[in-house]
Amino acid sequence: MKLEKVTAKPGRRYHDACGAAHGLDLIGERWALLVMRELMFGPRRFTDLKKDLCGLSANVLTQRLEGLEASGIVRRRRLPPPASVHVYELTDWGCELKPIFALLGHWAARSPTHDPTLPLSPVSVVMSLETMFDAARAGKARLDVGLVFGDESFRLRIADGTLTAQRAEVEGAEVVFDTQPSVLAGTIYGGAPFAALEADGLLVLTGDRAKAERFATFFALPPKAF
């Protein structure tokens, strides 16, 4: 069987038939993976992506979106009225990369040089909670938790040893954390007490406090590699 040669668009390529090498051809440019990360919970406007990707210029964001769209990983579409704005979203194929993000994040968290004090976007902290969720710690717990980060909100549901997260309104959740992503990470992973954060105006906690404190124990960072 003769293999067909596929000519890719000009750019930096590994020129290697390995699937992993071609994967890096597709998503290996700087910022490409983080653009994909920000689309993991649904479509976003260009301005939303620019806001949550600290340090990324509009020009580079445009380039990455165009490259991902050309590769079939991202699509651009217009929302119906009354919104009538363009958004970017992952294709079904692009969404298949989500488990790789979890593995990469878990692996990289073991690096001694990982700096958890750097900025976190709302999506990145929610994906972190999905990744670091410990089913053994949660046991048979059933919880419905809302997270509010400014104008963005997420709903986390824990049942049968699994955690599912989605971008959604928080009305009706048993517990709601209204805070900033870095503050939530600090209390979940660093043990910062709720009361101190509330006193400093960094956290507004509503709902069942006992369930909120239990929720915070369901996550664990992996040990450092060395």
Protein backbone atom coordinates (compact mmCIF):
# COMPACT_ATOMS: atom_id res chain seq x y z
CA MET A 1 0.00 0.00 0.00
CA LYS A 2 1.45 3.35 -1.04
CA LEU A 3 1.23 6.05 1.61
CA GLU A 4 -0.17 9.37 0.45
CA LYS A 5 1.94 12.41 1.12
CA VAL A 6 -0.03 15.20 2.77
CA THR A 7 1.35 18.70 2.31
CA ALA A 8 0.70 20.90 5.33
CA LYS A 9 0.56 24.66 5.30
CA PRO A 10 3.94 26.42 5.66
CA GLY A 11 5.32 26.71 9.16
CA ARG A 12 7.51 24.99 11.68
CA ARG A 13 7.07 21.24 11.42
CA TYR A 14 8.92 18.22 12.81
CA HIS A 15 8.81 16.30 9.52
CA ASP A 16 8.35 13.10 11.51
CA ALA A 17 5.69 10.44 10.83
CA CYS A 18 5.21 9.74 14.55
CA GLY A 19 1.66 10.58 15.66
CA ALA A 20 2.97 12.45 18.72
CA ALA A 21 5.20 14.56 16.47
CA HIS A 22 2.25 15.40 14.23
CA GLY A 23 0.22 16.25 17.32
CA LEU A 24 2.87 18.82 18.19
CA ASP A 25 2.71 20.08 14.60
CA LEU A 26 -0.97 20.79 15.24
CA ILE A 27 -0.93 22.22 18.77
CA GLY A 28 2.72 22.78 19.64
CA GLU A 29 2.85 26.51 18.94
CA ARG A 30 3.10 28.67 22.06
CA TRP A 31 -0.36 29.52 23.48
CA ALA A 32 -2.22 27.02 21.27
CA LEU A 33 -2.89 24.56 24.10
CA LEU A 34 -3.99 27.32 26.45
CA VAL A 35 -6.40 28.67 23.86
CA MET A 36 -7.86 25.15 23.66
CA ARG A 37 -8.03 24.99 27.46
CA GLU A 38 -10.16 28.11 27.60
CA LEU A 39 -12.64 26.53 25.16
CA MET A 40 -13.06 23.27 27.11
CA PHE A 41 -16.31 24.40 28.76
CA GLY A 42 -17.97 25.82 25.68
CA PRO A 43 -17.79 28.66 23.16
CA ARG A 44 -16.05 31.95 23.98
CA ARG A 45 -15.82 35.32 22.35
CA PHE A 46 -12.45 36.64 21.22
CA THR A 47 -12.54 39.26 23.97
CA ASP A 48 -13.24 36.59 26.61
CA LEU A 49 -10.23 34.58 25.47
CA LYS A 50 -8.01 37.64 25.43
CA LYS A 51 -9.10 38.59 28.97
CA ASP A 52 -8.39 35.17 30.50
CA LEU A 53 -5.08 34.47 28.74
CA CYS A 54 -2.78 36.79 30.64
CA GLY A 55 0.10 38.05 28.51
CA LEU A 56 -1.32 36.98 25.13
CA SER A 57 -1.53 39.72 22.51
CA ALA A 58 -4.54 40.09 20.22
CA ASN A 59 -2.30 39.47 17.21
CA VAL A 60 -0.96 36.15 18.51
CA LEU A 61 -4.42 35.07 19.65
CA THR A 62 -5.71 35.70 16.13
CA GLN A 63 -2.87 33.63 14.68
CA ARG A 64 -3.48 30.73 17.05
CA LEU A 65 -7.22 30.69 16.44
CA GLU A 66 -6.66 30.75 12.68
CA GLY A 67 -4.17 27.90 12.92
CA LEU A 68 -6.42 25.77 15.13
CA GLU A 69 -9.37 26.47 12.86
CA ALA A 70 -7.36 25.50 9.76
CA SER A 71 -6.41 22.22 11.47
CA GLY A 72 -10.04 21.35 12.29
CA ILE A 73 -9.58 21.73 16.05
CA VAL A 74 -11.57 24.95 16.51
CA ARG A 75 -14.54 26.38 14.64
CA ARG A 76 -15.87 29.93 14.47
CA ARG A 77 -19.60 30.61 14.32
CA ARG A 78 -22.12 33.36 14.94
CA LEU A 79 -24.56 33.01 17.82
CA PRO A 80 -28.22 33.48 16.90
CA PRO A 81 -30.08 36.70 17.83
CA PRO A 82 -30.27 38.48 20.16
CA ALA A 83 -26.55 37.80 20.81
CA SER A 84 -25.44 37.90 17.14
CA VAL A 85 -21.74 37.74 18.04
CA HIS A 86 -18.99 35.48 16.76
CA VAL A 87 -17.63 32.83 19.12
CA TYR A 88 -14.96 30.16 18.94
CA GLU A 89 -15.50 26.60 20.08
CA LEU A 90 -13.74 23.27 19.97
CA THR A 91 -14.84 20.73 17.41
CA ASP A 92 -15.71 17.23 18.65
CA TRP A 93 -12.21 16.16 17.67
CA GLY A 94 -10.70 19.08 19.56
CA CYS A 95 -12.65 18.12 22.69
CA GLU A 96 -11.05 14.68 22.63
CA LEU A 97 -7.86 16.26 23.94
CA LYS A 98 -9.36 17.04 27.36
CA PRO A 99 -8.06 13.86 29.09
CA ILE A 100 -4.58 14.73 27.85
CA PHE A 101 -4.84 18.08 29.64
CA ALA A 102 -5.65 16.26 32.87
CA LEU A 103 -2.67 13.93 32.50
CA LEU A 104 -0.34 16.77 31.57
CA GLY A 105 -1.54 18.93 34.45
CA HIS A 106 -1.19 16.12 37.00
CA TRP A 107 2.29 15.28 35.69
CA ALA A 108 3.48 18.90 35.63
CA ALA A 109 2.18 19.59 39.16
CA ARG A 110 4.86 17.16 40.37
CA SER A 111 7.61 19.47 39.12
CA PRO A 112 9.55 21.15 41.96
CA THR A 113 9.60 24.34 39.87
CA HIS A 114 5.83 24.60 39.46
CA ASP A 115 4.75 27.99 40.81
CA PRO A 116 1.12 27.88 42.05
CA THR A 117 1.16 31.63 42.77
CA LEU A 118 1.08 32.58 39.08
CA PRO A 119 -2.23 33.78 37.57
CA LEU A 120 -5.07 31.30 37.06
CA SER A 121 -8.04 31.70 34.78
CA PRO A 122 -11.49 30.48 35.88
CA VAL A 123 -11.30 27.60 33.41
CA SER A 124 -7.84 26.56 34.56
CA VAL A 125 -8.86 26.30 38.22
CA VAL A 126 -12.01 24.33 37.36
CA MET A 127 -9.97 21.94 35.21
CA SER A 128 -7.50 21.65 38.08
CA LEU A 129 -10.31 20.59 40.43
CA GLU A 130 -11.44 17.99 37.90
CA THR A 131 -7.86 16.69 37.66
CA MET A 132 -7.01 16.65 41.37
CA PHE A 133 -10.35 15.26 42.57
CA ASP A 134 -9.73 12.24 44.82
CA ALA A 135 -12.62 9.77 44.63
CA ALA A 136 -11.38 7.93 47.73
CA ARG A 137 -11.57 11.12 49.80
CA ALA A 138 -15.03 11.93 48.49
CA GLY A 139 -16.36 8.45 49.17
CA LYS A 140 -20.14 8.39 48.78
CA ALA A 141 -20.54 12.15 49.06
CA ARG A 142 -23.14 13.88 46.92
CA LEU A 143 -22.63 17.61 46.53
CA ASP A 144 -23.79 20.38 44.23
CA VAL A 145 -21.33 23.27 44.31
CA GLY A 146 -21.39 26.62 42.50
CA LEU A 147 -18.33 28.68 41.66
CA VAL A 148 -18.59 32.37 40.76
CA PHE A 149 -15.60 34.24 39.35
CA GLY A 150 -16.76 37.72 38.44
CA ASP A 151 -19.10 37.35 35.47
CA GLU A 152 -18.30 33.65 34.99
CA SER A 153 -19.97 30.81 36.86
CA PHE A 154 -19.58 27.04 36.98
CA ARG A 155 -21.49 24.16 38.52
CA LEU A 156 -19.66 21.18 40.04
CA ARG A 157 -21.57 18.03 40.91
CA ILE A 158 -20.08 15.20 42.92
CA ALA A 159 -21.76 11.79 43.04
CA ASP A 160 -20.70 8.15 42.99
CA GLY A 161 -17.03 9.04 43.28
CA THR A 162 -16.98 11.32 40.24
CA LEU A 163 -16.87 15.06 39.70
CA THR A 164 -18.46 16.72 36.70
CA ALA A 165 -18.10 20.41 35.90
CA GLN A 166 -19.84 22.70 33.45
CA ARG A 167 -20.26 26.38 32.77
CA ALA A 168 -23.67 27.11 34.30
CA GLU A 169 -25.66 29.33 36.65
CA VAL A 170 -25.25 28.59 40.37
CA GLU A 171 -28.84 29.13 41.51
CA GLY A 172 -29.96 26.16 43.60
CA ALA A 173 -26.45 24.91 44.45
CA GLU A 174 -25.94 23.67 48.02
CA VAL A 175 -22.75 25.72 48.37
CA VAL A 176 -21.52 28.73 46.38
CA PHE A 177 -18.00 30.12 46.42
CA ASP A 178 -17.82 33.69 45.07
CA THR A 179 -14.15 34.55 44.78
CA GLN A 180 -11.15 34.71 42.44
CA PRO A 181 -9.55 31.59 40.89
CA SER A 182 -6.26 32.02 42.76
CA VAL A 183 -8.07 32.47 46.08
CA LEU A 184 -10.10 29.29 45.55
CA ALA A 185 -6.91 27.39 44.70
CA GLY A 186 -5.29 28.76 47.84
CA THR A 187 -8.05 27.49 50.10
CA ILE A 188 -8.44 24.12 48.34
CA TYR A 189 -4.77 23.26 47.96
CA GLY A 190 -3.11 25.53 50.49
CA GLY A 191 -5.57 25.20 53.34
CA ALA A 192 -6.29 28.92 53.66
CA PRO A 193 -9.19 29.14 56.17
CA PHE A 194 -12.55 30.31 54.86
CA ALA A 195 -13.08 32.70 57.77
CA ALA A 196 -9.84 34.59 57.15
CA LEU A 197 -10.59 34.98 53.44
CA GLU A 198 -14.13 36.16 54.22
CA ALA A 199 -12.82 38.67 56.75
CA ASP A 200 -10.45 40.07 54.13
CA GLY A 201 -13.25 40.34 51.57
CA LEU A 202 -11.65 37.76 49.29
CA LEU A 203 -14.40 35.16 49.55
CA VAL A 204 -18.17 35.18 49.83
CA LEU A 205 -19.41 31.77 50.90
CA THR A 206 -23.12 30.99 50.86
CA GLY A 207 -24.98 27.79 51.61
CA ASP A 208 -24.07 24.89 53.84
CA ARG A 209 -20.72 25.72 55.46
CA ALA A 210 -20.11 22.18 56.68
CA LYS A 211 -20.53 20.88 53.13
CA ALA A 212 -18.21 23.61 51.85
CA GLU A 213 -15.50 22.56 54.29
CA ARG A 214 -15.97 18.92 53.36
CA PHE A 215 -15.78 19.79 49.65
CA ALA A 216 -12.38 21.40 50.21
CA THR A 217 -10.96 18.08 51.46
CA PHE A 218 -11.73 16.17 48.25
CA PHE A 219 -8.66 17.37 46.36
CA ALA A 220 -4.97 16.55 46.66
CA LEU A 221 -1.90 17.64 44.76
CA PRO A 222 0.45 14.82 43.75
CA PRO A 223 3.85 14.47 45.49
CA LYS A 224 6.81 16.21 43.92
CA ALA A 225 8.92 14.07 41.61
CA PHE A 226 12.12 14.84 43.50
